[in-house]
């Protein structure tokens, strides 16, 4: 199975979909779309029989654009990347960094798809998908998206670890609009695999990623926060904002101190109940809720670790 791999040779658990599964999903979508188009056209023809030829042609063009272009864009936006065909084939459209798509991504994919799928009967899309290493068509290239497989063999799940509770909400005012998708992908890949890295290499990588992230946001990384904890806190902030956009004001935020969700039900972040000072990486035994003991920093001769330590 193929995986997305960053420049640091850290694999991200996303399986890009290849041409056969994507073609089957497109065929299902087109069959449904043309069936709806024929039914709607028959109804419009019966309702506009009294119109002149020019008005009837305008109505026909508007129906074509609405049903075969507008409806697929709306469905892909509202379902967060899963049309009927993709749902049947176990596929989903995501951003290059693995996040959920928005309306602008679906709009670009739909607009380019009119040319490379409808007007050329899918020939251009097939050629582009075969040439692309990750099976992307031109619409994906221009929109910055990727079609991935959701149904994969069972294996050890890898989650982006949550930040320590004392950092939750600290970066709520940070401007994240200037952070490129490639940097988000690198940060998320590091956070999911940092437990497998050498401590020295992991610390150096976290410092470099934290510096790049601080440069893109325009705000320096706090000196009292370990770089890995800073990365996890900023990614958590971005996930919270994405959840609020997708699910409305009821999206969950983890309360500082691990007290639980604030603001009503919403998506649960993996490991949100971690105790203060719990290192992120390999699984460790959680401390009893009544205790609040920070882990001991590694000795000087062992080099810096990648765990999260609350400020003194």
C-alpha atoms as a PDB file:
ATOM      1  CA  UNK A   1       0.000   0.000   0.000  1.00  0.00           C
ATOM      2  CA  UNK A   2       1.254   3.442  -0.842  1.00  0.00           C
ATOM      3  CA  UNK A   3       1.678   6.130   1.791  1.00  0.00           C
ATOM      4  CA  UNK A   4       2.392   9.852   1.842  1.00  0.00           C
ATOM      5  CA  UNK A   5       6.006  10.372   2.903  1.00  0.00           C
ATOM      6  CA  UNK A   6       7.508  13.670   4.054  1.00  0.00           C
ATOM      7  CA  UNK A   7      10.993  14.922   3.282  1.00  0.00           C
ATOM      8  CA  UNK A   8      12.163  13.505   6.612  1.00  0.00           C
ATOM      9  CA  UNK A   9      11.094   9.983   5.497  1.00  0.00           C
ATOM     10  CA  UNK A  10       8.204   9.987   7.981  1.00  0.00           C
ATOM     11  CA  UNK A  11       5.197   8.142   6.549  1.00  0.00           C
ATOM     12  CA  UNK A  12       1.715   9.587   7.009  1.00  0.00           C
ATOM     13  CA  UNK A  13      -1.107   7.080   7.280  1.00  0.00           C
ATOM     14  CA  UNK A  14      -3.005   8.193   4.177  1.00  0.00           C
ATOM     15  CA  UNK A  15      -3.426   5.773   1.266  1.00  0.00           C
ATOM     16  CA  UNK A  16      -3.881   7.650  -2.022  1.00  0.00           C
ATOM     17  CA  UNK A  17      -6.561   6.098  -4.219  1.00  0.00           C
ATOM     18  CA  UNK A  18      -5.464   4.828  -7.602  1.00  0.00           C
ATOM     19  CA  UNK A  19      -7.161   4.972 -10.979  1.00  0.00           C
ATOM     20  CA  UNK A  20      -9.416   1.852 -10.863  1.00  0.00           C
ATOM     21  CA  UNK A  21     -11.205   2.770  -7.631  1.00  0.00           C
ATOM     22  CA  UNK A  22     -11.444   6.423  -8.615  1.00  0.00           C
ATOM     23  CA  UNK A  23     -12.829   5.536 -12.051  1.00  0.00           C
ATOM     24  CA  UNK A  24     -15.486   3.311 -10.496  1.00  0.00           C
ATOM     25  CA  UNK A  25     -16.499   6.101  -8.112  1.00  0.00           C
ATOM     26  CA  UNK A  26     -16.737   8.585 -11.008  1.00  0.00           C
ATOM     27  CA  UNK A  27     -18.875   6.159 -13.040  1.00  0.00           C
ATOM     28  CA  UNK A  28     -21.291   5.759 -10.122  1.00  0.00           C
ATOM     29  CA  UNK A  29     -21.475   9.539  -9.652  1.00  0.00           C
ATOM     30  CA  UNK A  30     -22.060  10.124 -13.371  1.00  0.00           C
ATOM     31  CA  UNK A  31     -24.798   7.487 -13.590  1.00  0.00           C
ATOM     32  CA  UNK A  32     -26.619   9.070 -10.657  1.00  0.00           C
ATOM     33  CA  UNK A  33     -26.057  12.604 -11.987  1.00  0.00           C
ATOM     34  CA  UNK A  34     -27.284  11.836 -15.510  1.00  0.00           C
ATOM     35  CA  UNK A  35     -30.316   9.970 -14.156  1.00  0.00           C
ATOM     36  CA  UNK A  36     -31.249  13.009 -12.090  1.00  0.00           C
ATOM     37  CA  UNK A  37     -30.498  15.267 -15.073  1.00  0.00           C
ATOM     38  CA  UNK A  38     -32.812  13.306 -17.383  1.00  0.00           C
ATOM     39  CA  UNK A  39     -35.645  13.300 -14.859  1.00  0.00           C
ATOM     40  CA  UNK A  40     -35.254  17.032 -14.150  1.00  0.00           C
ATOM     41  CA  UNK A  41     -35.021  17.825 -17.873  1.00  0.00           C
ATOM     42  CA  UNK A  42     -38.220  15.937 -18.639  1.00  0.00           C
ATOM     43  CA  UNK A  43     -40.029  17.849 -15.922  1.00  0.00           C
ATOM     44  CA  UNK A  44     -38.676  21.203 -17.110  1.00  0.00           C
ATOM     45  CA  UNK A  45     -39.581  20.462 -20.740  1.00  0.00           C
ATOM     46  CA  UNK A  46     -43.147  19.685 -19.716  1.00  0.00           C
ATOM     47  CA  UNK A  47     -43.323  22.840 -17.600  1.00  0.00           C
ATOM     48  CA  UNK A  48     -41.784  25.184 -20.202  1.00  0.00           C
ATOM     49  CA  UNK A  49     -43.531  23.968 -23.329  1.00  0.00           C
ATOM     50  CA  UNK A  50     -44.932  27.456 -23.938  1.00  0.00           C
ATOM     51  CA  UNK A  51     -41.514  29.194 -23.945  1.00  0.00           C
ATOM     52  CA  UNK A  52     -39.805  30.263 -27.154  1.00  0.00           C
ATOM     53  CA  UNK A  53     -36.681  28.517 -28.482  1.00  0.00           C
ATOM     54  CA  UNK A  54     -34.141  30.931 -26.910  1.00  0.00           C
ATOM     55  CA  UNK A  55     -35.707  30.735 -23.452  1.00  0.00           C
ATOM     56  CA  UNK A  56     -35.889  26.944 -23.660  1.00  0.00           C
ATOM     57  CA  UNK A  57     -32.180  26.789 -24.599  1.00  0.00           C
ATOM     58  CA  UNK A  58     -31.259  29.031 -21.655  1.00  0.00           C
ATOM     59  CA  UNK A  59     -33.247  26.831 -19.282  1.00  0.00           C
ATOM     60  CA  UNK A  60     -31.534  23.722 -20.700  1.00  0.00           C
ATOM     61  CA  UNK A  61     -28.048  25.209 -20.169  1.00  0.00           C
ATOM     62  CA  UNK A  62     -28.917  26.315 -16.637  1.00  0.00           C
ATOM     63  CA  UNK A  63     -30.245  22.843 -15.829  1.00  0.00           C
ATOM     64  CA  UNK A  64     -27.074  21.223 -17.159  1.00  0.00           C
ATOM     65  CA  UNK A  65     -24.789  23.468 -15.112  1.00  0.00           C
ATOM     66  CA  UNK A  66     -26.899  23.158 -11.960  1.00  0.00           C
ATOM     67  CA  UNK A  67     -27.381  19.380 -11.987  1.00  0.00           C
ATOM     68  CA  UNK A  68     -24.076  18.157 -13.445  1.00  0.00           C
ATOM     69  CA  UNK A  69     -21.765  20.789 -11.941  1.00  0.00           C
ATOM     70  CA  UNK A  70     -23.431  22.623  -9.059  1.00  0.00           C
ATOM     71  CA  UNK A  71     -24.989  19.621  -7.300  1.00  0.00           C
ATOM     72  CA  UNK A  72     -21.745  17.547  -7.226  1.00  0.00           C
ATOM     73  CA  UNK A  73     -19.855  20.550  -5.809  1.00  0.00           C
ATOM     74  CA  UNK A  74     -22.491  21.048  -3.117  1.00  0.00           C
ATOM     75  CA  UNK A  75     -22.542  17.339  -2.220  1.00  0.00           C
ATOM     76  CA  UNK A  76     -18.751  17.167  -1.984  1.00  0.00           C
ATOM     77  CA  UNK A  77     -18.661  20.276   0.206  1.00  0.00           C
ATOM     78  CA  UNK A  78     -21.440  19.239   2.583  1.00  0.00           C
ATOM     79  CA  UNK A  79     -20.181  15.647   2.905  1.00  0.00           C
ATOM     80  CA  UNK A  80     -16.573  16.787   3.462  1.00  0.00           C
ATOM     81  CA  UNK A  81     -15.216  15.029   0.380  1.00  0.00           C
ATOM     82  CA  UNK A  82     -17.456  12.008   0.017  1.00  0.00           C
ATOM     83  CA  UNK A  83     -19.812  11.837  -2.946  1.00  0.00           C
ATOM     84  CA  UNK A  84     -22.120   8.853  -3.445  1.00  0.00           C
ATOM     85  CA  UNK A  85     -19.580   7.056  -5.631  1.00  0.00           C
ATOM     86  CA  UNK A  86     -16.708   7.729  -3.249  1.00  0.00           C
ATOM     87  CA  UNK A  87     -18.809   6.586  -0.310  1.00  0.00           C
ATOM     88  CA  UNK A  88     -19.568   3.311  -2.117  1.00  0.00           C
ATOM     89  CA  UNK A  89     -15.888   2.768  -2.962  1.00  0.00           C
ATOM     90  CA  UNK A  90     -14.544   3.830   0.423  1.00  0.00           C
ATOM     91  CA  UNK A  91     -12.826   7.000  -0.832  1.00  0.00           C
ATOM     92  CA  UNK A  92     -12.670  10.568   0.413  1.00  0.00           C
ATOM     93  CA  UNK A  93     -11.263  13.859  -0.895  1.00  0.00           C
ATOM     94  CA  UNK A  94      -8.907  15.577   1.563  1.00  0.00           C
ATOM     95  CA  UNK A  95      -6.471  18.465   1.442  1.00  0.00           C
ATOM     96  CA  UNK A  96      -2.802  17.849   0.718  1.00  0.00           C
ATOM     97  CA  UNK A  97      -2.114  18.002   4.459  1.00  0.00           C
ATOM     98  CA  UNK A  98      -4.825  15.461   5.250  1.00  0.00           C
ATOM     99  CA  UNK A  99      -7.427  17.973   6.498  1.00  0.00           C
ATOM    100  CA  UNK A 100     -11.073  18.254   5.356  1.00  0.00           C
ATOM    101  CA  UNK A 101     -11.815  20.130   2.137  1.00  0.00           C
ATOM    102  CA  UNK A 102     -13.836  23.338   1.924  1.00  0.00           C
ATOM    103  CA  UNK A 103     -16.070  24.901  -0.703  1.00  0.00           C
ATOM    104  CA  UNK A 104     -13.202  26.422  -2.670  1.00  0.00           C
ATOM    105  CA  UNK A 105     -11.533  23.020  -3.044  1.00  0.00           C
ATOM    106  CA  UNK A 106     -14.762  21.409  -4.272  1.00  0.00           C
ATOM    107  CA  UNK A 107     -15.407  24.363  -6.613  1.00  0.00           C
ATOM    108  CA  UNK A 108     -11.999  24.103  -8.289  1.00  0.00           C
ATOM    109  CA  UNK A 109     -12.287  20.313  -8.609  1.00  0.00           C
ATOM    110  CA  UNK A 110     -15.773  20.602 -10.098  1.00  0.00           C
ATOM    111  CA  UNK A 111     -14.863  23.388 -12.540  1.00  0.00           C
ATOM    112  CA  UNK A 112     -11.777  21.577 -13.843  1.00  0.00           C
ATOM    113  CA  UNK A 113     -13.715  18.303 -13.898  1.00  0.00           C
ATOM    114  CA  UNK A 114     -16.108  19.738 -16.503  1.00  0.00           C
ATOM    115  CA  UNK A 115     -13.196  19.878 -18.946  1.00  0.00           C
ATOM    116  CA  UNK A 116     -11.169  16.804 -18.009  1.00  0.00           C
ATOM    117  CA  UNK A 117     -14.106  14.464 -17.330  1.00  0.00           C
ATOM    118  CA  UNK A 118     -17.294  15.633 -19.063  1.00  0.00           C
ATOM    119  CA  UNK A 119     -15.906  17.298 -22.221  1.00  0.00           C
ATOM    120  CA  UNK A 120     -13.143  14.757 -22.852  1.00  0.00           C
ATOM    121  CA  UNK A 121     -15.067  11.694 -21.581  1.00  0.00           C
ATOM    122  CA  UNK A 122     -12.506  11.220 -18.823  1.00  0.00           C
ATOM    123  CA  UNK A 123      -9.502  10.783 -21.119  1.00  0.00           C
ATOM    124  CA  UNK A 124      -7.558  13.738 -19.668  1.00  0.00           C
ATOM    125  CA  UNK A 125      -8.386  12.695 -16.113  1.00  0.00           C
ATOM    126  CA  UNK A 126      -7.211   9.118 -16.739  1.00  0.00           C
ATOM    127  CA  UNK A 127      -3.923  10.262 -18.278  1.00  0.00           C
ATOM    128  CA  UNK A 128      -3.252  12.707 -15.437  1.00  0.00           C
ATOM    129  CA  UNK A 129      -4.075  10.066 -12.828  1.00  0.00           C
ATOM    130  CA  UNK A 130      -1.762   7.524 -14.462  1.00  0.00           C
ATOM    131  CA  UNK A 131       1.101  10.011 -14.693  1.00  0.00           C
ATOM    132  CA  UNK A 132       0.707  11.267 -11.118  1.00  0.00           C
ATOM    133  CA  UNK A 133       2.513   9.243  -8.460  1.00  0.00           C
ATOM    134  CA  UNK A 134      -0.410   9.732  -6.071  1.00  0.00           C
ATOM    135  CA  UNK A 135      -3.128   9.223  -8.690  1.00  0.00           C
ATOM    136  CA  UNK A 136      -4.225  12.878  -8.777  1.00  0.00           C
ATOM    137  CA  UNK A 137      -6.130  14.362 -11.701  1.00  0.00           C
ATOM    138  CA  UNK A 138      -5.737  17.981 -12.811  1.00  0.00           C
ATOM    139  CA  UNK A 139      -8.598  19.132 -10.592  1.00  0.00           C
ATOM    140  CA  UNK A 140      -6.756  17.779  -7.551  1.00  0.00           C
ATOM    141  CA  UNK A 141      -3.516  19.462  -8.593  1.00  0.00           C
ATOM    142  CA  UNK A 142      -5.139  22.885  -8.988  1.00  0.00           C
ATOM    143  CA  UNK A 143      -7.285  22.529  -5.857  1.00  0.00           C
ATOM    144  CA  UNK A 144      -4.496  21.152  -3.658  1.00  0.00           C
ATOM    145  CA  UNK A 145      -6.463  18.006  -2.812  1.00  0.00           C
ATOM    146  CA  UNK A 146      -5.967  14.262  -2.789  1.00  0.00           C
ATOM    147  CA  UNK A 147      -8.362  11.321  -2.966  1.00  0.00           C
ATOM    148  CA  UNK A 148      -7.506   8.772  -0.276  1.00  0.00           C
ATOM    149  CA  UNK A 149      -8.779   5.362   0.716  1.00  0.00           C
ATOM    150  CA  UNK A 150     -10.758   5.195   3.940  1.00  0.00           C
ATOM    151  CA  UNK A 151     -11.151   1.418   4.016  1.00  0.00           C
ATOM    152  CA  UNK A 152      -7.731   0.018   4.810  1.00  0.00           C
ATOM    153  CA  UNK A 153      -6.648  -3.174   6.575  1.00  0.00           C
ATOM    154  CA  UNK A 154      -6.817  -2.952  10.335  1.00  0.00           C
ATOM    155  CA  UNK A 155      -3.585  -1.929  11.974  1.00  0.00           C
ATOM    156  CA  UNK A 156      -2.222   0.124  14.829  1.00  0.00           C
ATOM    157  CA  UNK A 157      -3.995   3.482  14.796  1.00  0.00           C
ATOM    158  CA  UNK A 158      -1.832   6.580  14.732  1.00  0.00           C
ATOM    159  CA  UNK A 159      -3.317   9.791  16.118  1.00  0.00           C
ATOM    160  CA  UNK A 160      -1.973  13.285  16.424  1.00  0.00           C
ATOM    161  CA  UNK A 161      -1.269  13.436  20.164  1.00  0.00           C
ATOM    162  CA  UNK A 162      -3.071  16.128  22.157  1.00  0.00           C
ATOM    163  CA  UNK A 163      -1.103  18.930  23.818  1.00  0.00           C
ATOM    164  CA  UNK A 164      -0.718  19.068  27.585  1.00  0.00           C
ATOM    165  CA  UNK A 165      -3.794  20.668  29.200  1.00  0.00           C
ATOM    166  CA  UNK A 166      -1.865  23.728  30.377  1.00  0.00           C
ATOM    167  CA  UNK A 167      -1.267  24.662  26.712  1.00  0.00           C
ATOM    168  CA  UNK A 168      -4.845  24.193  25.449  1.00  0.00           C
ATOM    169  CA  UNK A 169      -6.231  27.536  24.285  1.00  0.00           C
ATOM    170  CA  UNK A 170      -2.948  29.393  24.746  1.00  0.00           C
ATOM    171  CA  UNK A 171      -2.590  29.963  20.993  1.00  0.00           C
ATOM    172  CA  UNK A 172      -6.224  30.842  20.274  1.00  0.00           C
ATOM    173  CA  UNK A 173      -5.233  34.243  18.865  1.00  0.00           C
ATOM    174  CA  UNK A 174      -2.555  32.886  16.532  1.00  0.00           C
ATOM    175  CA  UNK A 175      -2.920  33.668  12.811  1.00  0.00           C
ATOM    176  CA  UNK A 176      -2.629  30.314  11.014  1.00  0.00           C
ATOM    177  CA  UNK A 177      -3.688  31.488   7.551  1.00  0.00           C
ATOM    178  CA  UNK A 178      -0.101  31.827   6.327  1.00  0.00           C
ATOM    179  CA  UNK A 179       0.992  28.279   7.196  1.00  0.00           C
ATOM    180  CA  UNK A 180       1.331  26.203   3.989  1.00  0.00           C
ATOM    181  CA  UNK A 181      -0.228  22.760   3.703  1.00  0.00           C
ATOM    182  CA  UNK A 182       3.170  21.139   3.269  1.00  0.00           C
ATOM    183  CA  UNK A 183       4.305  22.378   6.681  1.00  0.00           C
ATOM    184  CA  UNK A 184       1.094  21.131   8.341  1.00  0.00           C
ATOM    185  CA  UNK A 185       1.726  17.728   6.768  1.00  0.00           C
ATOM    186  CA  UNK A 186       5.296  17.651   8.079  1.00  0.00           C
ATOM    187  CA  UNK A 187       4.215  18.684  11.596  1.00  0.00           C
ATOM    188  CA  UNK A 188       1.422  16.109  11.774  1.00  0.00           C
ATOM    189  CA  UNK A 189       3.728  13.398  10.456  1.00  0.00           C
ATOM    190  CA  UNK A 190       6.341  14.237  13.078  1.00  0.00           C
ATOM    191  CA  UNK A 191       3.813  14.235  15.927  1.00  0.00           C
ATOM    192  CA  UNK A 192       2.428  10.818  14.950  1.00  0.00           C
ATOM    193  CA  UNK A 193       5.884   9.238  14.637  1.00  0.00           C
ATOM    194  CA  UNK A 194       8.109  11.097  17.084  1.00  0.00           C
ATOM    195  CA  UNK A 195       8.025   8.211  19.544  1.00  0.00           C
ATOM    196  CA  UNK A 196       9.895   6.110  16.972  1.00  0.00           C
ATOM    197  CA  UNK A 197      12.671   8.655  16.419  1.00  0.00           C
ATOM    198  CA  UNK A 198      15.996   8.929  18.169  1.00  0.00           C
ATOM    199  CA  UNK A 199      15.634  11.511  20.995  1.00  0.00           C
ATOM    200  CA  UNK A 200      18.376  13.750  19.609  1.00  0.00           C
ATOM    201  CA  UNK A 201      17.006  13.606  16.059  1.00  0.00           C
ATOM    202  CA  UNK A 202      13.433  14.095  17.264  1.00  0.00           C
ATOM    203  CA  UNK A 203      14.330  17.144  19.342  1.00  0.00           C
ATOM    204  CA  UNK A 204      16.260  18.758  16.470  1.00  0.00           C
ATOM    205  CA  UNK A 205      13.396  18.080  14.054  1.00  0.00           C
ATOM    206  CA  UNK A 206      10.859  19.547  16.492  1.00  0.00           C
ATOM    207  CA  UNK A 207      12.958  22.701  16.917  1.00  0.00           C
ATOM    208  CA  UNK A 208      13.251  23.156  13.157  1.00  0.00           C
ATOM    209  CA  UNK A 209       9.519  22.605  12.574  1.00  0.00           C
ATOM    210  CA  UNK A 210       8.650  24.948  15.450  1.00  0.00           C
ATOM    211  CA  UNK A 211      10.890  27.628  13.918  1.00  0.00           C
ATOM    212  CA  UNK A 212       9.267  27.225  10.500  1.00  0.00           C
ATOM    213  CA  UNK A 213       5.799  27.370  12.066  1.00  0.00           C
ATOM    214  CA  UNK A 214       6.661  30.473  14.073  1.00  0.00           C
ATOM    215  CA  UNK A 215       8.012  32.161  10.938  1.00  0.00           C
ATOM    216  CA  UNK A 216       4.762  31.496   9.067  1.00  0.00           C
ATOM    217  CA  UNK A 217       2.522  32.704  11.894  1.00  0.00           C
ATOM    218  CA  UNK A 218       4.606  35.824  12.601  1.00  0.00           C
ATOM    219  CA  UNK A 219       4.731  35.074  16.337  1.00  0.00           C
ATOM    220  CA  UNK A 220       7.846  33.573  17.975  1.00  0.00           C
ATOM    221  CA  UNK A 221       7.550  30.208  19.686  1.00  0.00           C
ATOM    222  CA  UNK A 222       7.435  30.543  23.506  1.00  0.00           C
ATOM    223  CA  UNK A 223      10.819  29.867  25.081  1.00  0.00           C
ATOM    224  CA  UNK A 224       9.246  28.156  28.107  1.00  0.00           C
ATOM    225  CA  UNK A 225       7.435  25.557  25.962  1.00  0.00           C
ATOM    226  CA  UNK A 226       9.197  22.475  24.551  1.00  0.00           C
ATOM    227  CA  UNK A 227       9.086  22.530  20.728  1.00  0.00           C
ATOM    228  CA  UNK A 228       7.114  19.282  20.465  1.00  0.00           C
ATOM    229  CA  UNK A 229       4.510  20.582  22.893  1.00  0.00           C
ATOM    230  CA  UNK A 230       4.299  23.837  20.936  1.00  0.00           C
ATOM    231  CA  UNK A 231       3.682  21.920  17.703  1.00  0.00           C
ATOM    232  CA  UNK A 232       0.974  19.779  19.309  1.00  0.00           C
ATOM    233  CA  UNK A 233      -0.755  22.836  20.798  1.00  0.00           C
ATOM    234  CA  UNK A 234      -0.833  24.700  17.484  1.00  0.00           C
ATOM    235  CA  UNK A 235      -2.111  21.641  15.588  1.00  0.00           C
ATOM    236  CA  UNK A 236      -4.778  21.184  18.275  1.00  0.00           C
ATOM    237  CA  UNK A 237      -5.818  24.824  17.799  1.00  0.00           C
ATOM    238  CA  UNK A 238      -6.150  24.322  14.065  1.00  0.00           C
ATOM    239  CA  UNK A 239      -8.176  21.129  14.557  1.00  0.00           C
ATOM    240  CA  UNK A 240     -10.491  23.002  16.916  1.00  0.00           C
ATOM    241  CA  UNK A 241     -11.040  25.734  14.334  1.00  0.00           C
ATOM    242  CA  UNK A 242     -11.713  23.177  11.581  1.00  0.00           C
ATOM    243  CA  UNK A 243     -14.188  21.375  13.846  1.00  0.00           C
ATOM    244  CA  UNK A 244     -15.971  24.626  14.667  1.00  0.00           C
ATOM    245  CA  UNK A 245     -16.301  25.446  10.963  1.00  0.00           C
ATOM    246  CA  UNK A 246     -17.530  21.949  10.137  1.00  0.00           C
ATOM    247  CA  UNK A 247     -19.889  21.314  13.068  1.00  0.00           C
ATOM    248  CA  UNK A 248     -20.782  24.809  14.263  1.00  0.00           C
ATOM    249  CA  UNK A 249     -20.415  26.367  17.674  1.00  0.00           C
ATOM    250  CA  UNK A 250     -20.919  23.070  19.499  1.00  0.00           C
ATOM    251  CA  UNK A 251     -17.474  21.767  18.544  1.00  0.00           C
ATOM    252  CA  UNK A 252     -15.557  20.484  21.533  1.00  0.00           C
ATOM    253  CA  UNK A 253     -12.555  22.141  23.106  1.00  0.00           C
ATOM    254  CA  UNK A 254     -10.534  20.339  25.732  1.00  0.00           C
ATOM    255  CA  UNK A 255     -10.599  22.207  29.019  1.00  0.00           C
ATOM    256  CA  UNK A 256      -7.217  23.043  30.572  1.00  0.00           C
ATOM    257  CA  UNK A 257      -6.340  20.534  33.221  1.00  0.00           C
ATOM    258  CA  UNK A 258      -8.164  17.704  31.445  1.00  0.00           C
ATOM    259  CA  UNK A 259     -11.487  18.509  33.126  1.00  0.00           C
ATOM    260  CA  UNK A 260     -13.410  17.465  30.056  1.00  0.00           C
ATOM    261  CA  UNK A 261     -15.153  19.017  27.053  1.00  0.00           C
ATOM    262  CA  UNK A 262     -16.391  22.557  27.070  1.00  0.00           C
ATOM    263  CA  UNK A 263     -19.263  23.844  24.959  1.00  0.00           C
ATOM    264  CA  UNK A 264     -21.407  20.747  24.625  1.00  0.00           C
ATOM    265  CA  UNK A 265     -21.000  17.571  22.553  1.00  0.00           C
ATOM    266  CA  UNK A 266     -18.707  17.541  19.612  1.00  0.00           C
ATOM    267  CA  UNK A 267     -15.851  15.591  18.037  1.00  0.00           C
ATOM    268  CA  UNK A 268     -13.608  13.938  20.578  1.00  0.00           C
ATOM    269  CA  UNK A 269      -9.882  14.360  20.085  1.00  0.00           C
ATOM    270  CA  UNK A 270      -7.890  11.155  20.711  1.00  0.00           C
ATOM    271  CA  UNK A 271      -6.215  11.153  24.086  1.00  0.00           C
ATOM    272  CA  UNK A 272      -7.835  14.420  25.190  1.00  0.00           C
ATOM    273  CA  UNK A 273      -7.932  13.235  28.797  1.00  0.00           C
ATOM    274  CA  UNK A 274      -4.150  12.924  29.125  1.00  0.00           C
ATOM    275  CA  UNK A 275      -2.781  14.140  32.435  1.00  0.00           C
ATOM    276  CA  UNK A 276      -0.514  17.154  32.735  1.00  0.00           C
ATOM    277  CA  UNK A 277       3.064  16.324  31.924  1.00  0.00           C
ATOM    278  CA  UNK A 278       2.295  13.076  30.133  1.00  0.00           C
ATOM    279  CA  UNK A 279       4.878  12.620  27.368  1.00  0.00           C
ATOM    280  CA  UNK A 280       3.679  12.163  23.816  1.00  0.00           C
ATOM    281  CA  UNK A 281       5.063   9.193  21.971  1.00  0.00           C
ATOM    282  CA  UNK A 282       5.042   5.546  23.084  1.00  0.00           C
ATOM    283  CA  UNK A 283       2.157   4.456  25.270  1.00  0.00           C
ATOM    284  CA  UNK A 284       2.699   5.082  28.977  1.00  0.00           C
ATOM    285  CA  UNK A 285       0.624   4.337  32.038  1.00  0.00           C
ATOM    286  CA  UNK A 286      -1.575   7.274  33.005  1.00  0.00           C
ATOM    287  CA  UNK A 287      -1.069   8.741  36.478  1.00  0.00           C
ATOM    288  CA  UNK A 288      -4.014   8.704  38.926  1.00  0.00           C
ATOM    289  CA  UNK A 289      -6.254  11.754  38.541  1.00  0.00           C
ATOM    290  CA  UNK A 290      -5.402  12.986  42.049  1.00  0.00           C
ATOM    291  CA  UNK A 291      -1.686  13.228  41.256  1.00  0.00           C
ATOM    292  CA  UNK A 292      -0.089  16.023  39.308  1.00  0.00           C
ATOM    293  CA  UNK A 293       3.535  15.028  38.963  1.00  0.00           C
ATOM    294  CA  UNK A 294       5.679  16.328  36.134  1.00  0.00           C
ATOM    295  CA  UNK A 295       8.092  13.865  34.518  1.00  0.00           C
ATOM    296  CA  UNK A 296      11.781  14.258  35.210  1.00  0.00           C
ATOM    297  CA  UNK A 297      13.813  15.823  32.430  1.00  0.00           C
ATOM    298  CA  UNK A 298      16.444  13.504  30.870  1.00  0.00           C
ATOM    299  CA  UNK A 299      20.036  13.851  32.158  1.00  0.00           C
ATOM    300  CA  UNK A 300      22.378  16.148  30.302  1.00  0.00           C
ATOM    301  CA  UNK A 301      24.359  13.286  28.806  1.00  0.00           C
ATOM    302  CA  UNK A 302      21.265  11.657  27.339  1.00  0.00           C
ATOM    303  CA  UNK A 303      20.236  14.659  25.272  1.00  0.00           C
ATOM    304  CA  UNK A 304      16.844  16.327  25.170  1.00  0.00           C
ATOM    305  CA  UNK A 305      13.749  14.206  25.012  1.00  0.00           C
ATOM    306  CA  UNK A 306      10.559  14.703  23.069  1.00  0.00           C
ATOM    307  CA  UNK A 307       8.141  14.577  25.983  1.00  0.00           C
ATOM    308  CA  UNK A 308       5.989  17.447  27.174  1.00  0.00           C
ATOM    309  CA  UNK A 309       7.000  19.095  30.441  1.00  0.00           C
ATOM    310  CA  UNK A 310       4.933  21.887  32.038  1.00  0.00           C
ATOM    311  CA  UNK A 311       6.795  25.105  32.782  1.00  0.00           C
ATOM    312  CA  UNK A 312       8.456  25.438  36.187  1.00  0.00           C
END
